[in-house]
Structures are given as structure tokens and as C-alpha cells.
Amino acid sequence: MRRAFFAFAVVPFIFASQAFAGDAEVKAAQTVIDGQLRAFIANDGMTAYSFAAPNVKRVFPTVDTFMNMVTKGYPPVRQPQTYSFGKVRETSPTSIIQQVLIVGPDGKDYGAVYTLELQPDGSFRITGCSLRASTSLST
């Protein structure tokens, strides 16, 4: 039940090119995702949790509950072998959807779709992530 809140239903997204989202906003969103993935790899739950938006923190109010959810429900995100940014779409001046191509700990390809929202302090935070296995991902 908790996992369903964090992982939005996988729906096909039609991504626009980066030209539709401002380069600064895209870079800021990608920096947040990169920071969280690096924190997961380093087993730094506190830092990984710091990139979660308030809506996620309401459902997972502690670092332990958050990390447990990610570890059990998102192994490729929790321990990626490699990852790269794919297509991006700005859905509003304060919202970005970013595709991340991941090679999971099992060596298989996955596609993660992150949603991020601009916060009142001017930073982007991750509001959700959906994950799907893929037989062929192109970068």
C-alpha cells in the first residue's frame, strides 16, 4: 500500500526534448536525482531521504521507513550498477518528469520515471518514481 503511493502507475509518457524545460531547471532536477542515487549507492539513507518531497515524507516519516520501502520495492534504484538520464518533460513551471535509464544490481535494464516539484525554498525535490523492467533501452 505504501509503495503504491510512491510509485505512480506506469503510464506511457510522451517526453519532449530538453528544449521545452529550461536548462537550469533540468540541471537542478538531474542534480537532485543524481544526489539521491549516489546516496543510495553509498548507503547514506539520511542524504537519500533529504531529496524526497514533503508528500513522500508524510507517507514515509522516517529515514528507516523510506529506506525499507526503496530497498524492498526498488532494488534497481537502491543499488544501480549504472544510470543515465533520458528524456525530460516540464509539465508546468514548477514540475519536471525525468526519465532515468538504469542497469540494476541484477544486470538488467530498467526505466525509472521521476517526478519532481519545485519547493518554496527554490529547490527541486522528488515527489515520486515509477520503475519498469525493459528488454531494450536506448540512450
N, C-alpha and C. Protein backbone atom coordinates (compact mmCIF):
# COMPACT_ATOMS: atom_id res chain seq x y z
N MET A 1 0.82 -1.18 0.00
CA MET A 1 0.00 0.00 0.00
C MET A 1 0.87 1.24 0.00
N ARG A 2 1.87 1.30 0.86
CA ARG A 2 2.75 2.45 0.89
C ARG A 2 3.52 2.60 -0.41
N ARG A 3 3.95 1.51 -0.96
CA ARG A 3 4.72 1.55 -2.20
C ARG A 3 3.90 2.16 -3.33
N ALA A 4 2.62 1.88 -3.36
CA ALA A 4 1.76 2.39 -4.42
C ALA A 4 1.72 3.91 -4.42
N PHE A 5 1.84 4.52 -3.25
CA PHE A 5 1.82 5.99 -3.19
C PHE A 5 3.08 6.56 -3.82
N PHE A 6 4.22 5.95 -3.54
CA PHE A 6 5.48 6.46 -4.07
C PHE A 6 5.63 6.14 -5.55
N ALA A 7 5.19 4.98 -5.95
CA ALA A 7 5.33 4.57 -7.35
C ALA A 7 4.02 4.85 -8.06
N PHE A 8 4.02 5.88 -8.84
CA PHE A 8 2.83 6.19 -9.62
C PHE A 8 2.60 5.09 -10.64
N ALA A 9 1.38 4.91 -11.03
CA ALA A 9 1.07 3.90 -12.05
C ALA A 9 1.92 4.17 -13.27
N VAL A 10 2.44 3.11 -13.84
CA VAL A 10 3.26 3.26 -15.03
C VAL A 10 2.34 3.55 -16.20
N VAL A 11 2.45 4.72 -16.71
CA VAL A 11 1.67 5.12 -17.88
C VAL A 11 2.65 5.61 -18.93
N PRO A 12 2.30 5.46 -20.19
CA PRO A 12 3.21 5.93 -21.22
C PRO A 12 3.33 7.44 -21.16
N PHE A 13 4.53 7.92 -21.18
CA PHE A 13 4.79 9.35 -21.19
C PHE A 13 5.31 9.73 -22.55
N ILE A 14 4.81 10.82 -23.06
CA ILE A 14 5.37 11.38 -24.28
C ILE A 14 6.28 12.49 -23.82
N PHE A 15 7.57 12.25 -23.97
CA PHE A 15 8.55 13.21 -23.49
C PHE A 15 8.89 14.20 -24.59
N ALA A 16 9.03 15.43 -24.19
CA ALA A 16 9.51 16.47 -25.09
C ALA A 16 11.01 16.55 -24.95
N SER A 17 11.63 17.22 -25.84
CA SER A 17 13.08 17.39 -25.75
C SER A 17 13.39 18.35 -24.61
N GLN A 18 14.64 18.39 -24.22
CA GLN A 18 15.06 19.26 -23.14
C GLN A 18 14.80 20.72 -23.47
N ALA A 19 14.63 21.07 -24.70
CA ALA A 19 14.42 22.45 -25.08
C ALA A 19 13.16 23.03 -24.45
N PHE A 20 12.19 22.18 -24.10
CA PHE A 20 10.95 22.67 -23.52
C PHE A 20 11.10 23.04 -22.05
N ALA A 21 12.01 22.43 -21.37
CA ALA A 21 12.28 22.78 -19.98
C ALA A 21 13.55 23.60 -19.95
N GLY A 22 13.59 24.59 -19.09
CA GLY A 22 14.77 25.42 -19.00
C GLY A 22 15.98 24.60 -18.62
N ASP A 23 17.11 24.90 -19.23
CA ASP A 23 18.33 24.14 -18.94
C ASP A 23 18.68 24.17 -17.46
N ALA A 24 18.49 25.31 -16.81
CA ALA A 24 18.82 25.41 -15.38
C ALA A 24 17.91 24.51 -14.55
N GLU A 25 16.63 24.46 -14.88
CA GLU A 25 15.70 23.62 -14.14
C GLU A 25 16.00 22.15 -14.35
N VAL A 26 16.29 21.79 -15.59
CA VAL A 26 16.61 20.39 -15.90
C VAL A 26 17.87 19.98 -15.15
N LYS A 27 18.89 20.81 -15.18
CA LYS A 27 20.14 20.51 -14.49
C LYS A 27 19.89 20.37 -12.99
N ALA A 28 19.07 21.27 -12.42
CA ALA A 28 18.77 21.20 -11.00
C ALA A 28 18.04 19.90 -10.65
N ALA A 29 17.06 19.51 -11.45
CA ALA A 29 16.33 18.27 -11.21
C ALA A 29 17.25 17.07 -11.33
N GLN A 30 18.09 17.05 -12.35
CA GLN A 30 19.02 15.93 -12.53
C GLN A 30 20.03 15.86 -11.39
N THR A 31 20.44 17.00 -10.86
CA THR A 31 21.37 17.02 -9.73
C THR A 31 20.72 16.38 -8.50
N VAL A 32 19.43 16.63 -8.30
CA VAL A 32 18.71 16.03 -7.18
C VAL A 32 18.64 14.51 -7.34
N ILE A 33 18.27 14.05 -8.51
CA ILE A 33 18.18 12.60 -8.75
C ILE A 33 19.55 11.96 -8.60
N ASP A 34 20.56 12.56 -9.19
CA ASP A 34 21.92 12.05 -9.09
C ASP A 34 22.37 11.99 -7.62
N GLY A 35 22.06 13.03 -6.87
CA GLY A 35 22.43 13.04 -5.46
C GLY A 35 21.77 11.92 -4.68
N GLN A 36 20.48 11.69 -4.98
CA GLN A 36 19.79 10.61 -4.27
C GLN A 36 20.36 9.25 -4.67
N LEU A 37 20.58 9.03 -5.96
CA LEU A 37 21.13 7.74 -6.39
C LEU A 37 22.52 7.51 -5.80
N ARG A 38 23.34 8.54 -5.77
CA ARG A 38 24.68 8.40 -5.16
C ARG A 38 24.57 8.09 -3.67
N ALA A 39 23.61 8.71 -3.00
CA ALA A 39 23.41 8.43 -1.58
C ALA A 39 22.95 6.99 -1.37
N PHE A 40 22.06 6.50 -2.22
CA PHE A 40 21.65 5.09 -2.12
C PHE A 40 22.86 4.18 -2.27
N ILE A 41 23.67 4.44 -3.28
CA ILE A 41 24.86 3.60 -3.53
C ILE A 41 25.79 3.61 -2.32
N ALA A 42 25.92 4.77 -1.68
CA ALA A 42 26.81 4.92 -0.52
C ALA A 42 26.15 4.46 0.80
N ASN A 43 24.93 3.93 0.72
CA ASN A 43 24.18 3.53 1.91
C ASN A 43 23.98 4.68 2.89
N ASP A 44 23.80 5.87 2.37
CA ASP A 44 23.58 7.07 3.16
C ASP A 44 22.10 7.42 3.12
N GLY A 45 21.33 6.76 3.96
CA GLY A 45 19.90 6.93 3.97
C GLY A 45 19.45 8.35 4.29
N MET A 46 20.14 9.00 5.20
CA MET A 46 19.76 10.36 5.60
C MET A 46 19.84 11.31 4.40
N THR A 47 20.91 11.21 3.64
CA THR A 47 21.06 12.08 2.47
C THR A 47 20.04 11.70 1.40
N ALA A 48 19.85 10.41 1.16
CA ALA A 48 18.86 9.98 0.16
C ALA A 48 17.48 10.51 0.52
N TYR A 49 17.13 10.43 1.78
CA TYR A 49 15.83 10.89 2.27
C TYR A 49 15.69 12.40 2.11
N SER A 50 16.77 13.12 2.21
CA SER A 50 16.71 14.58 2.12
C SER A 50 16.24 15.07 0.75
N PHE A 51 16.32 14.23 -0.27
CA PHE A 51 15.89 14.61 -1.61
C PHE A 51 14.40 14.32 -1.85
N ALA A 52 13.74 13.70 -0.89
CA ALA A 52 12.31 13.39 -1.02
C ALA A 52 11.48 14.63 -0.70
N ALA A 53 10.41 14.80 -1.46
CA ALA A 53 9.50 15.92 -1.27
C ALA A 53 8.62 15.68 -0.03
N PRO A 54 7.99 16.73 0.47
CA PRO A 54 7.13 16.58 1.66
C PRO A 54 6.04 15.52 1.51
N ASN A 55 5.46 15.36 0.31
CA ASN A 55 4.41 14.34 0.15
C ASN A 55 4.95 12.93 0.41
N VAL A 56 6.18 12.67 0.02
CA VAL A 56 6.80 11.36 0.26
C VAL A 56 7.11 11.21 1.75
N LYS A 57 7.62 12.28 2.34
CA LYS A 57 7.98 12.22 3.77
C LYS A 57 6.76 12.05 4.67
N ARG A 58 5.60 12.50 4.23
CA ARG A 58 4.37 12.28 5.01
C ARG A 58 4.02 10.80 5.05
N VAL A 59 4.22 10.11 3.96
CA VAL A 59 3.90 8.68 3.90
C VAL A 59 5.00 7.84 4.55
N PHE A 60 6.24 8.28 4.42
CA PHE A 60 7.40 7.58 4.99
C PHE A 60 8.11 8.57 5.93
N PRO A 61 7.60 8.70 7.17
CA PRO A 61 8.04 9.78 8.04
C PRO A 61 9.43 9.63 8.66
N THR A 62 10.07 8.48 8.45
CA THR A 62 11.43 8.31 8.98
C THR A 62 12.35 7.81 7.87
N VAL A 63 13.62 8.02 8.09
CA VAL A 63 14.63 7.52 7.13
C VAL A 63 14.50 6.01 7.00
N ASP A 64 14.32 5.32 8.13
CA ASP A 64 14.23 3.85 8.09
C ASP A 64 13.05 3.36 7.27
N THR A 65 11.88 3.96 7.44
CA THR A 65 10.73 3.50 6.67
C THR A 65 10.91 3.80 5.19
N PHE A 66 11.50 4.94 4.89
CA PHE A 66 11.77 5.29 3.50
C PHE A 66 12.77 4.31 2.86
N MET A 67 13.87 4.07 3.55
CA MET A 67 14.89 3.18 3.00
C MET A 67 14.38 1.75 2.89
N ASN A 68 13.55 1.31 3.82
CA ASN A 68 12.96 -0.02 3.74
C ASN A 68 12.08 -0.14 2.49
N MET A 69 11.28 0.89 2.23
CA MET A 69 10.42 0.89 1.04
C MET A 69 11.26 0.83 -0.23
N VAL A 70 12.30 1.63 -0.31
CA VAL A 70 13.14 1.66 -1.51
C VAL A 70 13.87 0.33 -1.67
N THR A 71 14.43 -0.19 -0.59
CA THR A 71 15.18 -1.45 -0.64
C THR A 71 14.30 -2.60 -1.11
N LYS A 72 13.09 -2.68 -0.58
CA LYS A 72 12.20 -3.79 -0.93
C LYS A 72 11.51 -3.59 -2.28
N GLY A 73 11.13 -2.37 -2.59
CA GLY A 73 10.33 -2.14 -3.79
C GLY A 73 11.07 -1.66 -5.01
N TYR A 74 12.29 -1.15 -4.82
CA TYR A 74 13.03 -0.54 -5.93
C TYR A 74 14.50 -0.94 -5.93
N PRO A 75 14.81 -2.24 -5.96
CA PRO A 75 16.22 -2.65 -5.93
C PRO A 75 17.09 -1.98 -7.00
N PRO A 76 16.61 -1.80 -8.24
CA PRO A 76 17.46 -1.14 -9.23
C PRO A 76 17.79 0.31 -8.87
N VAL A 77 16.86 0.99 -8.23
CA VAL A 77 17.10 2.37 -7.80
C VAL A 77 18.00 2.37 -6.57
N ARG A 78 17.78 1.43 -5.69
CA ARG A 78 18.55 1.35 -4.44
C ARG A 78 20.01 1.01 -4.69
N GLN A 79 20.28 0.14 -5.68
CA GLN A 79 21.65 -0.29 -5.94
C GLN A 79 21.91 -0.38 -7.44
N PRO A 80 21.85 0.74 -8.14
CA PRO A 80 22.11 0.69 -9.58
C PRO A 80 23.58 0.39 -9.87
N GLN A 81 23.80 -0.40 -10.91
CA GLN A 81 25.18 -0.58 -11.38
C GLN A 81 25.62 0.67 -12.13
N THR A 82 24.73 1.14 -13.01
CA THR A 82 24.96 2.38 -13.75
C THR A 82 23.61 3.04 -13.98
N TYR A 83 23.64 4.33 -14.31
CA TYR A 83 22.42 5.04 -14.67
C TYR A 83 22.78 6.24 -15.53
N SER A 84 21.81 6.63 -16.34
CA SER A 84 21.98 7.81 -17.19
C SER A 84 20.63 8.47 -17.37
N PHE A 85 20.68 9.75 -17.67
CA PHE A 85 19.44 10.50 -17.84
C PHE A 85 18.93 10.35 -19.27
N GLY A 86 17.64 10.15 -19.36
CA GLY A 86 16.99 10.05 -20.65
C GLY A 86 16.22 11.33 -20.93
N LYS A 87 15.06 11.15 -21.47
CA LYS A 87 14.23 12.29 -21.88
C LYS A 87 13.63 12.99 -20.67
N VAL A 88 13.29 14.25 -20.87
CA VAL A 88 12.75 15.06 -19.80
C VAL A 88 11.57 15.86 -20.33
N ARG A 89 10.63 16.15 -19.43
CA ARG A 89 9.49 16.97 -19.81
C ARG A 89 9.14 17.88 -18.65
N GLU A 90 8.95 19.14 -18.96
CA GLU A 90 8.47 20.09 -17.98
C GLU A 90 6.94 20.10 -18.10
N THR A 91 6.25 19.73 -17.03
CA THR A 91 4.80 19.66 -17.08
C THR A 91 4.14 20.95 -16.61
N SER A 92 4.90 21.78 -15.93
CA SER A 92 4.46 23.11 -15.51
C SER A 92 5.73 23.88 -15.15
N PRO A 93 5.63 25.14 -14.87
CA PRO A 93 6.83 25.89 -14.48
C PRO A 93 7.49 25.36 -13.20
N THR A 94 6.77 24.54 -12.43
CA THR A 94 7.32 24.02 -11.18
C THR A 94 7.42 22.50 -11.13
N SER A 95 7.15 21.81 -12.25
CA SER A 95 7.14 20.35 -12.26
C SER A 95 7.93 19.80 -13.43
N ILE A 96 8.72 18.78 -13.13
CA ILE A 96 9.54 18.13 -14.16
C ILE A 96 9.37 16.62 -14.05
N ILE A 97 9.31 15.95 -15.20
CA ILE A 97 9.34 14.49 -15.28
C ILE A 97 10.65 14.13 -15.97
N GLN A 98 11.45 13.29 -15.32
CA GLN A 98 12.76 12.92 -15.84
C GLN A 98 12.86 11.40 -15.96
N GLN A 99 13.21 10.93 -17.14
CA GLN A 99 13.46 9.50 -17.36
C GLN A 99 14.91 9.20 -16.97
N VAL A 100 15.10 8.10 -16.26
CA VAL A 100 16.45 7.64 -15.89
C VAL A 100 16.57 6.19 -16.35
N LEU A 101 17.61 5.92 -17.11
CA LEU A 101 17.88 4.58 -17.60
C LEU A 101 18.87 3.93 -16.63
N ILE A 102 18.48 2.78 -16.08
CA ILE A 102 19.24 2.15 -15.00
C ILE A 102 19.61 0.72 -15.38
N VAL A 103 20.83 0.33 -15.04
CA VAL A 103 21.21 -1.08 -15.04
C VAL A 103 21.19 -1.48 -13.57
N GLY A 104 20.30 -2.40 -13.25
CA GLY A 104 20.10 -2.79 -11.87
C GLY A 104 21.17 -3.72 -11.35
N PRO A 105 21.08 -4.07 -10.07
CA PRO A 105 22.06 -4.97 -9.47
C PRO A 105 22.04 -6.36 -10.10
N ASP A 106 20.94 -6.68 -10.78
CA ASP A 106 20.81 -7.97 -11.47
C ASP A 106 21.35 -7.92 -12.89
N GLY A 107 21.88 -6.76 -13.32
CA GLY A 107 22.43 -6.61 -14.66
C GLY A 107 21.39 -6.33 -15.73
N LYS A 108 20.13 -6.23 -15.34
CA LYS A 108 19.05 -5.98 -16.29
C LYS A 108 18.79 -4.49 -16.42
N ASP A 109 18.20 -4.11 -17.57
CA ASP A 109 17.87 -2.71 -17.85
C ASP A 109 16.51 -2.36 -17.27
N TYR A 110 16.41 -1.15 -16.73
CA TYR A 110 15.17 -0.63 -16.17
C TYR A 110 14.99 0.81 -16.62
N GLY A 111 13.76 1.22 -16.66
CA GLY A 111 13.44 2.62 -16.89
C GLY A 111 12.74 3.16 -15.66
N ALA A 112 13.28 4.24 -15.12
CA ALA A 112 12.65 4.90 -13.98
C ALA A 112 12.14 6.25 -14.46
N VAL A 113 10.97 6.62 -14.02
CA VAL A 113 10.41 7.93 -14.34
C VAL A 113 10.22 8.66 -13.02
N TYR A 114 10.99 9.71 -12.86
CA TYR A 114 10.94 10.54 -11.65
C TYR A 114 10.07 11.76 -11.89
N THR A 115 9.30 12.12 -10.88
CA THR A 115 8.58 13.38 -10.89
C THR A 115 9.19 14.25 -9.81
N LEU A 116 9.38 15.51 -10.14
CA LEU A 116 9.98 16.46 -9.21
C LEU A 116 9.17 17.74 -9.19
N GLU A 117 9.11 18.36 -8.03
CA GLU A 117 8.40 19.63 -7.85
C GLU A 117 9.34 20.66 -7.25
N LEU A 118 9.22 21.87 -7.73
CA LEU A 118 9.96 22.98 -7.17
C LEU A 118 9.36 23.32 -5.81
N GLN A 119 10.21 23.44 -4.80
CA GLN A 119 9.77 23.72 -3.44
C GLN A 119 9.82 25.23 -3.16
N PRO A 120 9.16 25.68 -2.11
CA PRO A 120 9.17 27.11 -1.78
C PRO A 120 10.58 27.68 -1.58
N ASP A 121 11.54 26.85 -1.18
CA ASP A 121 12.90 27.34 -0.99
C ASP A 121 13.69 27.42 -2.30
N GLY A 122 13.05 27.06 -3.43
CA GLY A 122 13.71 27.13 -4.73
C GLY A 122 14.41 25.86 -5.17
N SER A 123 14.35 24.82 -4.35
CA SER A 123 14.99 23.55 -4.71
C SER A 123 13.95 22.58 -5.28
N PHE A 124 14.41 21.65 -6.10
CA PHE A 124 13.56 20.58 -6.58
C PHE A 124 13.67 19.42 -5.60
N ARG A 125 12.54 18.73 -5.38
CA ARG A 125 12.51 17.52 -4.58
C ARG A 125 11.72 16.46 -5.33
N ILE A 126 12.05 15.20 -5.07
CA ILE A 126 11.43 14.07 -5.75
C ILE A 126 10.07 13.77 -5.13
N THR A 127 9.02 13.83 -5.96
CA THR A 127 7.66 13.56 -5.49
C THR A 127 7.22 12.13 -5.78
N GLY A 128 7.92 11.44 -6.66
CA GLY A 128 7.56 10.07 -6.97
C GLY A 128 8.51 9.45 -7.98
N CYS A 129 8.42 8.14 -8.08
CA CYS A 129 9.25 7.40 -9.03
C CYS A 129 8.49 6.15 -9.43
N SER A 130 8.42 5.91 -10.72
CA SER A 130 7.86 4.64 -11.19
C SER A 130 8.99 3.89 -11.88
N LEU A 131 8.94 2.59 -11.81
CA LEU A 131 10.03 1.77 -12.32
C LEU A 131 9.44 0.64 -13.15
N ARG A 132 10.11 0.35 -14.25
CA ARG A 132 9.69 -0.80 -15.05
C ARG A 132 10.92 -1.47 -15.65
N ALA A 133 10.82 -2.77 -15.79
CA ALA A 133 11.89 -3.53 -16.44
C ALA A 133 11.79 -3.29 -17.93
N SER A 134 12.90 -3.36 -18.62
CA SER A 134 12.90 -3.16 -20.06
C SER A 134 13.84 -4.16 -20.72
N THR A 135 13.45 -4.64 -21.85
CA THR A 135 14.31 -5.54 -22.60
C THR A 135 15.26 -4.78 -23.50
N SER A 136 14.91 -3.53 -23.81
CA SER A 136 15.81 -2.73 -24.63
C SER A 136 15.60 -1.25 -24.32
N LEU A 137 16.62 -0.65 -23.77
CA LEU A 137 16.61 0.78 -23.50
C LEU A 137 17.65 1.43 -24.39
N SER A 138 17.30 2.52 -24.97
CA SER A 138 18.28 3.22 -25.78
C SER A 138 18.66 4.50 -25.06
N THR A 139 19.92 4.85 -25.17
CA THR A 139 20.41 6.07 -24.52
C THR A 139 20.68 7.12 -25.55
